[in-house]
Amino acid sequence: MNDSKNPSAVRSKAEICQALLRLMEKHPYEEITVKQIALEAKLVRKTFYRNFDSKEDVLEAIFDSLVNEYKNHLIMLKDTLPIEMIFEFCIQRRQLLLLFDKNNMMYRIQQKLNDALPEKHEELKALGLVPQELFGELDPSYLIPMNIGSVWNVICRWVHTGMKDDPKKITAELTEFIIRMGVFAQKMKAAYQEKAQA
């Protein structure tokens, strides 16, 4: 992808991305061609290739933009629970997420987040937005992907069912389950320590 900040190039890139999304509403992604995207964007193919190498390159740009928005949205964590913020973010991008689900692409958001969020974690930590007691001495390199995987699997399920279920109810159930898991983990730890001392 051409990273030019020239206003004309930025506008062309945006038009190409929007054209691909419009086409994905009518056709499976695999069937869409660069020629169709250029026609839909009302641009010549030369302009397409000046900005992108392929339709996959366009799709990557769309995912990158979504993940960048998500990362910036995380700054608002001070005022809300993380899961509430994630649902709010997804509701605002409902049409896009439903389109990705229709094309079996939700997993690609999770892949992008796995790459992007460890770095964002360090930024949020520096801003004091990650409570010290949450990670403490624990290594976040495995905990962050675990968190992303569990939360985004929930989001993928919710999107796949049409985003109809109430996010507040889902959040309440997840919170209760996490509390129960904590109690269960404490019992397991105590049983393990007893066995080790016997």
N, C-alpha and C. Protein backbone atom coordinates (compact mmCIF):
# COMPACT_ATOMS: atom_id res chain seq x y z
N MET A 1 0.84 -1.19 0.00
CA MET A 1 0.00 0.00 0.00
C MET A 1 0.88 1.24 0.00
N ASN A 2 0.47 2.24 -0.77
CA ASN A 2 1.17 3.51 -0.81
C ASN A 2 0.77 4.34 0.40
N ASP A 3 1.75 4.76 1.22
CA ASP A 3 1.45 5.49 2.44
C ASP A 3 1.49 7.01 2.26
N SER A 4 1.33 7.48 1.04
CA SER A 4 1.37 8.92 0.78
C SER A 4 0.30 9.66 1.57
N LYS A 5 0.69 10.83 2.11
CA LYS A 5 -0.25 11.67 2.86
C LYS A 5 -0.85 12.77 1.97
N ASN A 6 -0.52 12.69 0.68
CA ASN A 6 -1.08 13.65 -0.27
C ASN A 6 -2.61 13.58 -0.21
N PRO A 7 -3.29 14.73 -0.06
CA PRO A 7 -4.76 14.72 0.09
C PRO A 7 -5.48 13.95 -1.01
N SER A 8 -4.98 14.04 -2.24
CA SER A 8 -5.61 13.32 -3.35
C SER A 8 -5.46 11.81 -3.17
N ALA A 9 -4.27 11.37 -2.73
CA ALA A 9 -4.04 9.94 -2.50
C ALA A 9 -4.88 9.44 -1.33
N VAL A 10 -4.95 10.24 -0.27
CA VAL A 10 -5.76 9.86 0.90
C VAL A 10 -7.23 9.71 0.49
N ARG A 11 -7.72 10.65 -0.33
CA ARG A 11 -9.11 10.59 -0.79
C ARG A 11 -9.33 9.35 -1.67
N SER A 12 -8.40 9.09 -2.58
CA SER A 12 -8.53 7.92 -3.46
C SER A 12 -8.54 6.63 -2.65
N LYS A 13 -7.65 6.53 -1.65
CA LYS A 13 -7.60 5.33 -0.81
C LYS A 13 -8.93 5.12 -0.08
N ALA A 14 -9.47 6.21 0.46
CA ALA A 14 -10.76 6.12 1.17
C ALA A 14 -11.87 5.68 0.22
N GLU A 15 -11.87 6.22 -1.00
CA GLU A 15 -12.91 5.85 -1.98
C GLU A 15 -12.78 4.37 -2.37
N ILE A 16 -11.55 3.90 -2.51
CA ILE A 16 -11.32 2.50 -2.87
C ILE A 16 -11.78 1.58 -1.74
N CYS A 17 -11.45 1.94 -0.50
CA CYS A 17 -11.88 1.13 0.65
C CYS A 17 -13.40 1.07 0.74
N GLN A 18 -14.05 2.21 0.57
CA GLN A 18 -15.51 2.24 0.63
C GLN A 18 -16.13 1.46 -0.52
N ALA A 19 -15.49 1.52 -1.68
CA ALA A 19 -15.99 0.77 -2.84
C ALA A 19 -15.94 -0.73 -2.56
N LEU A 20 -14.84 -1.20 -1.98
CA LEU A 20 -14.75 -2.64 -1.66
C LEU A 20 -15.84 -3.03 -0.67
N LEU A 21 -16.06 -2.21 0.35
CA LEU A 21 -17.09 -2.54 1.34
C LEU A 21 -18.48 -2.57 0.71
N ARG A 22 -18.76 -1.63 -0.18
CA ARG A 22 -20.06 -1.64 -0.87
C ARG A 22 -20.23 -2.92 -1.70
N LEU A 23 -19.17 -3.31 -2.38
CA LEU A 23 -19.23 -4.53 -3.19
C LEU A 23 -19.41 -5.76 -2.34
N MET A 24 -18.79 -5.77 -1.15
CA MET A 24 -18.90 -6.92 -0.25
C MET A 24 -20.32 -7.08 0.29
N GLU A 25 -21.10 -6.02 0.25
CA GLU A 25 -22.51 -6.13 0.67
C GLU A 25 -23.33 -6.92 -0.36
N LYS A 26 -22.85 -6.91 -1.62
CA LYS A 26 -23.60 -7.57 -2.69
C LYS A 26 -22.97 -8.88 -3.16
N HIS A 27 -21.64 -9.00 -2.99
CA HIS A 27 -20.93 -10.17 -3.53
C HIS A 27 -19.97 -10.73 -2.48
N PRO A 28 -19.71 -12.05 -2.52
CA PRO A 28 -18.67 -12.59 -1.65
C PRO A 28 -17.32 -11.96 -1.99
N TYR A 29 -16.52 -11.72 -0.99
CA TYR A 29 -15.22 -11.08 -1.18
C TYR A 29 -14.38 -11.79 -2.24
N GLU A 30 -14.38 -13.14 -2.22
CA GLU A 30 -13.54 -13.92 -3.13
C GLU A 30 -13.87 -13.64 -4.60
N GLU A 31 -15.11 -13.24 -4.88
CA GLU A 31 -15.54 -13.04 -6.27
C GLU A 31 -15.27 -11.62 -6.77
N ILE A 32 -14.91 -10.73 -5.88
CA ILE A 32 -14.71 -9.32 -6.26
C ILE A 32 -13.34 -9.16 -6.93
N THR A 33 -13.31 -8.37 -8.01
CA THR A 33 -12.06 -8.13 -8.72
C THR A 33 -11.60 -6.69 -8.53
N VAL A 34 -10.34 -6.47 -8.83
CA VAL A 34 -9.79 -5.10 -8.77
C VAL A 34 -10.54 -4.21 -9.76
N LYS A 35 -10.86 -4.76 -10.92
CA LYS A 35 -11.60 -3.99 -11.94
C LYS A 35 -12.93 -3.50 -11.37
N GLN A 36 -13.65 -4.40 -10.67
CA GLN A 36 -14.94 -4.01 -10.06
C GLN A 36 -14.74 -2.90 -9.02
N ILE A 37 -13.70 -3.05 -8.21
CA ILE A 37 -13.45 -2.05 -7.16
C ILE A 37 -13.18 -0.69 -7.79
N ALA A 38 -12.34 -0.66 -8.83
CA ALA A 38 -12.02 0.61 -9.50
C ALA A 38 -13.28 1.23 -10.11
N LEU A 39 -14.10 0.40 -10.76
CA LEU A 39 -15.35 0.91 -11.34
C LEU A 39 -16.29 1.46 -10.28
N GLU A 40 -16.41 0.70 -9.17
CA GLU A 40 -17.29 1.14 -8.07
C GLU A 40 -16.80 2.45 -7.46
N ALA A 41 -15.47 2.61 -7.39
CA ALA A 41 -14.88 3.83 -6.82
C ALA A 41 -14.85 4.99 -7.83
N LYS A 42 -15.22 4.67 -9.09
CA LYS A 42 -15.18 5.65 -10.18
C LYS A 42 -13.76 6.18 -10.38
N LEU A 43 -12.81 5.24 -10.34
CA LEU A 43 -11.40 5.54 -10.54
C LEU A 43 -10.84 4.59 -11.60
N VAL A 44 -9.79 5.02 -12.26
CA VAL A 44 -9.15 4.13 -13.23
C VAL A 44 -8.26 3.14 -12.47
N ARG A 45 -7.99 1.99 -13.11
CA ARG A 45 -7.18 0.96 -12.45
C ARG A 45 -5.79 1.48 -12.10
N LYS A 46 -5.28 2.40 -12.91
CA LYS A 46 -3.96 2.98 -12.65
C LYS A 46 -3.94 3.67 -11.28
N THR A 47 -5.04 4.37 -10.95
CA THR A 47 -5.15 5.04 -9.65
C THR A 47 -5.23 4.00 -8.54
N PHE A 48 -5.97 2.91 -8.80
CA PHE A 48 -6.03 1.83 -7.81
C PHE A 48 -4.62 1.36 -7.49
N TYR A 49 -3.85 1.01 -8.54
CA TYR A 49 -2.52 0.44 -8.33
C TYR A 49 -1.49 1.45 -7.84
N ARG A 50 -1.81 2.73 -7.98
CA ARG A 50 -0.93 3.74 -7.38
C ARG A 50 -1.07 3.74 -5.86
N ASN A 51 -2.21 3.27 -5.37
CA ASN A 51 -2.50 3.29 -3.93
C ASN A 51 -2.44 1.93 -3.26
N PHE A 52 -2.79 0.87 -3.98
CA PHE A 52 -2.83 -0.48 -3.41
C PHE A 52 -2.21 -1.47 -4.38
N ASP A 53 -1.67 -2.56 -3.84
CA ASP A 53 -1.08 -3.61 -4.68
C ASP A 53 -2.12 -4.63 -5.13
N SER A 54 -3.20 -4.79 -4.35
CA SER A 54 -4.19 -5.83 -4.64
C SER A 54 -5.46 -5.55 -3.83
N LYS A 55 -6.50 -6.34 -4.07
CA LYS A 55 -7.72 -6.17 -3.27
C LYS A 55 -7.45 -6.60 -1.83
N GLU A 56 -6.55 -7.56 -1.63
CA GLU A 56 -6.17 -7.98 -0.27
C GLU A 56 -5.51 -6.83 0.48
N ASP A 57 -4.74 -6.04 -0.24
CA ASP A 57 -4.08 -4.86 0.33
C ASP A 57 -5.14 -3.85 0.80
N VAL A 58 -6.22 -3.72 0.04
CA VAL A 58 -7.32 -2.82 0.42
C VAL A 58 -7.97 -3.34 1.70
N LEU A 59 -8.24 -4.63 1.73
CA LEU A 59 -8.87 -5.24 2.90
C LEU A 59 -8.00 -5.06 4.14
N GLU A 60 -6.69 -5.25 3.99
CA GLU A 60 -5.76 -5.05 5.11
C GLU A 60 -5.84 -3.61 5.62
N ALA A 61 -5.94 -2.66 4.71
CA ALA A 61 -6.04 -1.24 5.10
C ALA A 61 -7.31 -0.99 5.91
N ILE A 62 -8.41 -1.65 5.53
CA ILE A 62 -9.67 -1.51 6.26
C ILE A 62 -9.53 -2.09 7.67
N PHE A 63 -8.94 -3.28 7.76
CA PHE A 63 -8.72 -3.89 9.08
C PHE A 63 -7.78 -3.03 9.93
N ASP A 64 -6.71 -2.53 9.33
CA ASP A 64 -5.76 -1.69 10.07
C ASP A 64 -6.45 -0.44 10.61
N SER A 65 -7.30 0.16 9.80
CA SER A 65 -8.03 1.37 10.22
C SER A 65 -8.96 1.05 11.40
N LEU A 66 -9.67 -0.07 11.31
CA LEU A 66 -10.58 -0.48 12.39
C LEU A 66 -9.81 -0.73 13.68
N VAL A 67 -8.69 -1.43 13.60
CA VAL A 67 -7.89 -1.74 14.80
C VAL A 67 -7.27 -0.47 15.38
N ASN A 68 -6.85 0.45 14.52
CA ASN A 68 -6.33 1.73 15.03
C ASN A 68 -7.40 2.52 15.77
N GLU A 69 -8.62 2.51 15.23
CA GLU A 69 -9.74 3.16 15.92
C GLU A 69 -9.96 2.50 17.28
N TYR A 70 -9.92 1.18 17.29
CA TYR A 70 -10.13 0.42 18.52
C TYR A 70 -9.07 0.78 19.56
N LYS A 71 -7.81 0.81 19.13
CA LYS A 71 -6.71 1.14 20.05
C LYS A 71 -6.91 2.54 20.63
N ASN A 72 -7.31 3.49 19.80
CA ASN A 72 -7.53 4.86 20.28
C ASN A 72 -8.72 4.92 21.22
N HIS A 73 -9.71 4.06 20.99
CA HIS A 73 -10.91 4.01 21.83
C HIS A 73 -10.57 3.53 23.25
N LEU A 74 -9.50 2.74 23.37
CA LEU A 74 -9.12 2.19 24.67
C LEU A 74 -8.75 3.28 25.68
N ILE A 75 -8.39 4.46 25.19
CA ILE A 75 -8.04 5.57 26.09
C ILE A 75 -9.23 5.92 26.98
N MET A 76 -10.45 5.62 26.55
CA MET A 76 -11.65 5.97 27.31
C MET A 76 -11.94 4.99 28.44
N LEU A 77 -11.01 4.08 28.71
CA LEU A 77 -11.23 3.06 29.74
C LEU A 77 -11.48 3.63 31.13
N LYS A 78 -11.03 4.85 31.40
CA LYS A 78 -11.20 5.44 32.73
C LYS A 78 -12.67 5.52 33.14
N ASP A 79 -13.55 5.74 32.17
CA ASP A 79 -14.95 6.00 32.47
C ASP A 79 -15.86 4.78 32.40
N THR A 80 -15.35 3.64 31.96
CA THR A 80 -16.22 2.49 31.75
C THR A 80 -15.45 1.19 31.90
N LEU A 81 -16.16 0.09 32.08
CA LEU A 81 -15.52 -1.23 32.11
C LEU A 81 -15.02 -1.56 30.70
N PRO A 82 -13.89 -2.27 30.60
CA PRO A 82 -13.37 -2.59 29.26
C PRO A 82 -14.39 -3.28 28.37
N ILE A 83 -15.11 -4.27 28.89
CA ILE A 83 -16.06 -5.00 28.05
C ILE A 83 -17.20 -4.10 27.59
N GLU A 84 -17.63 -3.16 28.43
CA GLU A 84 -18.68 -2.21 28.02
C GLU A 84 -18.18 -1.32 26.89
N MET A 85 -16.92 -0.89 27.02
CA MET A 85 -16.32 -0.05 25.98
C MET A 85 -16.23 -0.82 24.66
N ILE A 86 -15.88 -2.11 24.74
CA ILE A 86 -15.75 -2.92 23.53
C ILE A 86 -17.11 -3.09 22.84
N PHE A 87 -18.14 -3.37 23.64
CA PHE A 87 -19.49 -3.49 23.05
C PHE A 87 -19.91 -2.16 22.41
N GLU A 88 -19.65 -1.06 23.09
CA GLU A 88 -20.00 0.27 22.56
C GLU A 88 -19.29 0.51 21.22
N PHE A 89 -18.01 0.19 21.18
CA PHE A 89 -17.23 0.33 19.95
C PHE A 89 -17.84 -0.50 18.83
N CYS A 90 -18.21 -1.74 19.14
CA CYS A 90 -18.78 -2.64 18.14
C CYS A 90 -20.15 -2.17 17.65
N ILE A 91 -20.96 -1.66 18.56
CA ILE A 91 -22.29 -1.15 18.18
C ILE A 91 -22.13 0.01 17.19
N GLN A 92 -21.14 0.86 17.42
CA GLN A 92 -20.90 1.99 16.52
C GLN A 92 -20.45 1.53 15.13
N ARG A 93 -19.89 0.33 15.05
CA ARG A 93 -19.38 -0.20 13.78
C ARG A 93 -20.18 -1.45 13.36
N ARG A 94 -21.42 -1.48 13.74
CA ARG A 94 -22.30 -2.62 13.53
C ARG A 94 -22.30 -3.10 12.08
N GLN A 95 -22.54 -2.20 11.15
CA GLN A 95 -22.66 -2.58 9.74
C GLN A 95 -21.37 -3.22 9.24
N LEU A 96 -20.23 -2.66 9.61
CA LEU A 96 -18.94 -3.19 9.19
C LEU A 96 -18.69 -4.59 9.76
N LEU A 97 -18.97 -4.77 11.06
CA LEU A 97 -18.74 -6.06 11.69
C LEU A 97 -19.67 -7.13 11.12
N LEU A 98 -20.92 -6.78 10.87
CA LEU A 98 -21.86 -7.74 10.27
C LEU A 98 -21.40 -8.13 8.86
N LEU A 99 -20.82 -7.18 8.14
CA LEU A 99 -20.29 -7.45 6.81
C LEU A 99 -19.09 -8.40 6.88
N PHE A 100 -18.20 -8.16 7.85
CA PHE A 100 -17.06 -9.07 8.03
C PHE A 100 -17.54 -10.47 8.42
N ASP A 101 -18.55 -10.53 9.28
CA ASP A 101 -19.07 -11.84 9.69
C ASP A 101 -19.67 -12.58 8.49
N LYS A 102 -20.42 -11.86 7.68
CA LYS A 102 -21.04 -12.45 6.49
C LYS A 102 -19.98 -13.04 5.56
N ASN A 103 -18.79 -12.45 5.56
CA ASN A 103 -17.69 -12.92 4.71
C ASN A 103 -16.68 -13.78 5.47
N ASN A 104 -17.08 -14.25 6.67
CA ASN A 104 -16.22 -15.12 7.51
C ASN A 104 -14.85 -14.51 7.78
N MET A 105 -14.83 -13.25 8.19
CA MET A 105 -13.57 -12.54 8.39
C MET A 105 -13.36 -12.02 9.80
N MET A 106 -14.25 -12.33 10.73
CA MET A 106 -14.10 -11.79 12.08
C MET A 106 -12.79 -12.22 12.74
N TYR A 107 -12.33 -13.43 12.41
CA TYR A 107 -11.08 -13.93 13.00
C TYR A 107 -9.90 -13.02 12.66
N ARG A 108 -9.99 -12.31 11.54
CA ARG A 108 -8.87 -11.46 11.13
C ARG A 108 -8.72 -10.24 12.03
N ILE A 109 -9.83 -9.79 12.63
CA ILE A 109 -9.73 -8.69 13.59
C ILE A 109 -8.94 -9.18 14.80
N GLN A 110 -9.26 -10.36 15.26
CA GLN A 110 -8.56 -10.93 16.41
C GLN A 110 -7.07 -11.07 16.12
N GLN A 111 -6.71 -11.51 14.92
CA GLN A 111 -5.30 -11.62 14.55
C GLN A 111 -4.61 -10.26 14.61
N LYS A 112 -5.28 -9.25 14.09
CA LYS A 112 -4.71 -7.89 14.10
C LYS A 112 -4.54 -7.38 15.53
N LEU A 113 -5.53 -7.65 16.38
CA LEU A 113 -5.46 -7.21 17.77
C LEU A 113 -4.31 -7.92 18.50
N ASN A 114 -4.09 -9.20 18.20
CA ASN A 114 -2.97 -9.92 18.81
C ASN A 114 -1.64 -9.24 18.51
N ASP A 115 -1.53 -8.67 17.32
CA ASP A 115 -0.30 -7.97 16.94
C ASP A 115 -0.23 -6.56 17.54
N ALA A 116 -1.37 -5.89 17.61
CA ALA A 116 -1.38 -4.47 17.96
C ALA A 116 -1.48 -4.17 19.45
N LEU A 117 -2.17 -5.00 20.21
CA LEU A 117 -2.48 -4.63 21.60
C LEU A 117 -1.33 -4.75 22.61
N PRO A 118 -0.37 -5.64 22.43
CA PRO A 118 0.74 -5.64 23.40
C PRO A 118 1.45 -4.28 23.47
N GLU A 119 1.66 -3.66 22.31
CA GLU A 119 2.29 -2.33 22.29
C GLU A 119 1.37 -1.29 22.93
N LYS A 120 0.07 -1.39 22.63
CA LYS A 120 -0.89 -0.44 23.22
C LYS A 120 -0.96 -0.62 24.73
N HIS A 121 -0.79 -1.85 25.19
CA HIS A 121 -0.79 -2.12 26.63
C HIS A 121 0.28 -1.28 27.33
N GLU A 122 1.46 -1.21 26.72
CA GLU A 122 2.56 -0.43 27.31
C GLU A 122 2.21 1.05 27.35
N GLU A 123 1.55 1.55 26.30
CA GLU A 123 1.12 2.96 26.27
C GLU A 123 0.11 3.23 27.39
N LEU A 124 -0.89 2.34 27.51
CA LEU A 124 -1.94 2.51 28.52
C LEU A 124 -1.35 2.42 29.93
N LYS A 125 -0.38 1.53 30.09
CA LYS A 125 0.29 1.38 31.39
C LYS A 125 1.01 2.67 31.76
N ALA A 126 1.71 3.27 30.78
CA ALA A 126 2.43 4.53 31.01
C ALA A 126 1.47 5.66 31.37
N LEU A 127 0.25 5.60 30.86
CA LEU A 127 -0.76 6.62 31.16
C LEU A 127 -1.50 6.34 32.47
N GLY A 128 -1.16 5.23 33.13
CA GLY A 128 -1.82 4.87 34.39
C GLY A 128 -3.20 4.27 34.21
N LEU A 129 -3.49 3.75 32.99
CA LEU A 129 -4.82 3.20 32.72
C LEU A 129 -4.88 1.68 32.92
N VAL A 130 -3.74 1.07 33.29
CA VAL A 130 -3.73 -0.36 33.60
C VAL A 130 -3.44 -0.50 35.09
N PRO A 131 -4.42 -0.94 35.88
CA PRO A 131 -4.20 -1.06 37.32
C PRO A 131 -3.02 -1.99 37.63
N GLN A 132 -2.13 -1.55 38.49
CA GLN A 132 -0.93 -2.32 38.85
C GLN A 132 -1.28 -3.72 39.35
N GLU A 133 -2.36 -3.81 40.14
CA GLU A 133 -2.72 -5.11 40.71
C GLU A 133 -3.25 -6.10 39.67
N LEU A 134 -3.59 -5.61 38.49
CA LEU A 134 -4.13 -6.49 37.46
C LEU A 134 -3.07 -7.44 36.92
N PHE A 135 -1.89 -6.92 36.61
CA PHE A 135 -0.82 -7.75 36.08
C PHE A 135 0.28 -7.96 37.11
N GLY A 136 0.62 -6.92 37.87
CA GLY A 136 1.67 -7.05 38.88
C GLY A 136 2.93 -7.63 38.29
N GLU A 137 3.39 -8.74 38.87
CA GLU A 137 4.63 -9.38 38.41
C GLU A 137 4.37 -10.39 37.28
N LEU A 138 3.12 -10.55 36.88
CA LEU A 138 2.78 -11.52 35.84
C LEU A 138 3.22 -11.02 34.46
N ASP A 139 3.60 -11.96 33.61
CA ASP A 139 4.06 -11.64 32.26
C ASP A 139 2.87 -11.41 31.34
N PRO A 140 2.68 -10.18 30.84
CA PRO A 140 1.52 -9.90 29.99
C PRO A 140 1.59 -10.52 28.60
N SER A 141 2.74 -11.07 28.21
CA SER A 141 2.89 -11.56 26.83
C SER A 141 1.95 -12.73 26.51
N TYR A 142 1.49 -13.46 27.55
CA TYR A 142 0.50 -14.51 27.33
C TYR A 142 -0.88 -14.08 27.82
N LEU A 143 -0.91 -13.21 28.80
CA LEU A 143 -2.19 -12.79 29.38
C LEU A 143 -2.98 -11.90 28.41
N ILE A 144 -2.28 -11.03 27.69
CA ILE A 144 -2.97 -10.15 26.74
C ILE A 144 -3.64 -10.97 25.62
N PRO A 145 -2.92 -11.91 24.96
CA PRO A 145 -3.60 -12.73 23.94
C PRO A 145 -4.76 -13.56 24.52
N MET A 146 -4.61 -14.04 25.77
CA MET A 146 -5.71 -14.79 26.39
C MET A 146 -6.94 -13.90 26.52
N ASN A 147 -6.72 -12.68 26.96
CA ASN A 147 -7.81 -11.72 27.13
C ASN A 147 -8.45 -11.38 25.78
N ILE A 148 -7.61 -11.10 24.79
CA ILE A 148 -8.13 -10.78 23.45
C ILE A 148 -8.96 -11.95 22.93
N GLY A 149 -8.41 -13.16 23.04
CA GLY A 149 -9.10 -14.34 22.53
C GLY A 149 -10.45 -14.56 23.17
N SER A 150 -10.50 -14.45 24.50
CA SER A 150 -11.77 -14.71 25.18
C SER A 150 -12.80 -13.62 24.85
N VAL A 151 -12.38 -12.37 24.92
CA VAL A 151 -13.32 -11.26 24.66
C VAL A 151 -13.79 -11.28 23.21
N TRP A 152 -12.85 -11.45 22.26
CA TRP A 152 -13.25 -11.39 20.85
C TRP A 152 -13.99 -12.64 20.41
N ASN A 153 -13.82 -13.75 21.08
CA ASN A 153 -14.69 -14.90 20.78
C ASN A 153 -16.12 -14.59 21.19
N VAL A 154 -16.28 -13.91 22.32
CA VAL A 154 -17.63 -13.49 22.74
C VAL A 154 -18.21 -12.51 21.71
N ILE A 155 -17.40 -11.53 21.30
CA ILE A 155 -17.87 -10.54 20.32
C ILE A 155 -18.22 -11.23 19.00
N CYS A 156 -17.38 -12.18 18.56
CA CYS A 156 -17.67 -12.89 17.31
C CYS A 156 -18.99 -13.65 17.40
N ARG A 157 -19.23 -14.28 18.52
CA ARG A 157 -20.50 -15.01 18.73
C ARG A 157 -21.68 -14.04 18.67
N TRP A 158 -21.52 -12.90 19.36
CA TRP A 158 -22.58 -11.89 19.42
C TRP A 158 -22.87 -11.33 18.03
N VAL A 159 -21.81 -11.01 17.28
CA VAL A 159 -21.99 -10.48 15.92
C VAL A 159 -22.64 -11.54 15.04
N HIS A 160 -22.19 -12.78 15.17
CA HIS A 160 -22.71 -13.86 14.33
C HIS A 160 -24.20 -14.10 14.56
N THR A 161 -24.69 -13.79 15.77
CA THR A 161 -26.13 -13.94 16.05
C THR A 161 -26.89 -12.64 15.76
N GLY A 162 -26.24 -11.73 15.03
CA GLY A 162 -26.92 -10.51 14.60
C GLY A 162 -26.86 -9.36 15.59
N MET A 163 -26.02 -9.47 16.62
CA MET A 163 -25.87 -8.42 17.64
C MET A 163 -27.21 -8.11 18.31
N LYS A 164 -28.04 -9.14 18.47
CA LYS A 164 -29.39 -8.93 19.02
C LYS A 164 -29.42 -8.98 20.55
N ASP A 165 -28.56 -9.80 21.15
CA ASP A 165 -28.59 -9.95 22.61
C ASP A 165 -28.11 -8.66 23.28
N ASP A 166 -28.68 -8.39 24.44
CA ASP A 166 -28.37 -7.17 25.19
C ASP A 166 -26.94 -7.22 25.74
N PRO A 167 -26.07 -6.28 25.33
CA PRO A 167 -24.70 -6.26 25.84
C PRO A 167 -24.61 -6.18 27.36
N LYS A 168 -25.58 -5.51 28.00
CA LYS A 168 -25.55 -5.40 29.47
C LYS A 168 -25.75 -6.77 30.11
N LYS A 169 -26.64 -7.56 29.53
CA LYS A 169 -26.88 -8.91 30.05
C LYS A 169 -25.64 -9.79 29.84
N ILE A 170 -25.04 -9.68 28.66
CA ILE A 170 -23.82 -10.46 28.38
C ILE A 170 -22.72 -10.05 29.35
N THR A 171 -22.54 -8.75 29.55
CA THR A 171 -21.51 -8.23 30.46
C THR A 171 -21.74 -8.74 31.88
N ALA A 172 -22.99 -8.72 32.33
CA ALA A 172 -23.31 -9.19 33.69
C ALA A 172 -22.97 -10.68 33.82
N GLU A 173 -23.31 -11.47 32.81
CA GLU A 173 -23.01 -12.90 32.87
C GLU A 173 -21.51 -13.16 32.84
N LEU A 174 -20.79 -12.43 31.99
CA LEU A 174 -19.33 -12.59 31.92
C LEU A 174 -18.69 -12.23 33.26
N THR A 175 -19.15 -11.13 33.84
CA THR A 175 -18.61 -10.68 35.13
C THR A 175 -18.84 -11.72 36.21
N GLU A 176 -20.06 -12.25 36.27
CA GLU A 176 -20.38 -13.28 37.26
C GLU A 176 -19.52 -14.53 37.04
N PHE A 177 -19.32 -14.91 35.78
CA PHE A 177 -18.52 -16.08 35.48
C PHE A 177 -17.05 -15.87 35.90
N ILE A 178 -16.53 -14.67 35.64
CA ILE A 178 -15.14 -14.37 36.03
C ILE A 178 -15.00 -14.45 37.55
N ILE A 179 -15.99 -13.95 38.28
CA ILE A 179 -15.97 -14.04 39.75
C ILE A 179 -15.97 -15.50 40.18
N ARG A 180 -16.85 -16.30 39.58
CA ARG A 180 -16.91 -17.73 39.92
C ARG A 180 -15.60 -18.44 39.56
N MET A 181 -15.01 -18.07 38.44
CA MET A 181 -13.72 -18.66 38.04
C MET A 181 -12.65 -18.33 39.08
N GLY A 182 -12.68 -17.09 39.60
CA GLY A 182 -11.72 -16.69 40.62
C GLY A 182 -11.86 -17.52 41.88
N VAL A 183 -13.10 -17.74 42.31
CA VAL A 183 -13.37 -18.57 43.50
C VAL A 183 -12.91 -20.00 43.24
N PHE A 184 -13.24 -20.52 42.06
CA PHE A 184 -12.85 -21.88 41.70
C PHE A 184 -11.33 -22.02 41.66
N ALA A 185 -10.65 -21.01 41.08
CA ALA A 185 -9.19 -21.04 41.00
C ALA A 185 -8.56 -21.05 42.39
N GLN A 186 -9.15 -20.28 43.32
CA GLN A 186 -8.63 -20.25 44.71
C GLN A 186 -8.77 -21.64 45.36
N LYS A 187 -9.92 -22.29 45.13
CA LYS A 187 -10.13 -23.64 45.68
C LYS A 187 -9.13 -24.63 45.09
N MET A 188 -8.91 -24.54 43.79
CA MET A 188 -7.96 -25.44 43.12
C MET A 188 -6.54 -25.20 43.64
N LYS A 189 -6.20 -23.94 43.84
CA LYS A 189 -4.86 -23.60 44.34
C LYS A 189 -4.68 -24.17 45.76
N ALA A 190 -5.70 -24.01 46.61
CA ALA A 190 -5.62 -24.51 47.98
C ALA A 190 -5.49 -26.04 47.97
N ALA A 191 -6.26 -26.71 47.11
CA ALA A 191 -6.20 -28.18 47.03
C ALA A 191 -4.82 -28.62 46.54
N TYR A 192 -4.26 -27.90 45.60
CA TYR A 192 -2.94 -28.23 45.07
C TYR A 192 -1.87 -28.05 46.15
N GLN A 193 -1.98 -26.94 46.90
CA GLN A 193 -0.99 -26.69 47.97
C GLN A 193 -1.08 -27.76 49.06
N GLU A 194 -2.30 -28.16 49.41
CA GLU A 194 -2.49 -29.22 50.41
C GLU A 194 -1.84 -30.53 49.93
N LYS A 195 -2.06 -30.85 48.68
CA LYS A 195 -1.51 -32.08 48.13
C LYS A 195 0.03 -32.02 48.11
N ALA A 196 0.58 -30.82 47.77
CA ALA A 196 2.04 -30.68 47.71
C ALA A 196 2.66 -30.80 49.11
N GLN A 197 1.94 -30.38 50.15
CA GLN A 197 2.48 -30.42 51.53
C GLN A 197 2.31 -31.81 52.14
N ALA A 198 1.43 -32.64 51.63
CA ALA A 198 1.17 -33.98 52.21
C ALA A 198 2.33 -34.94 51.97
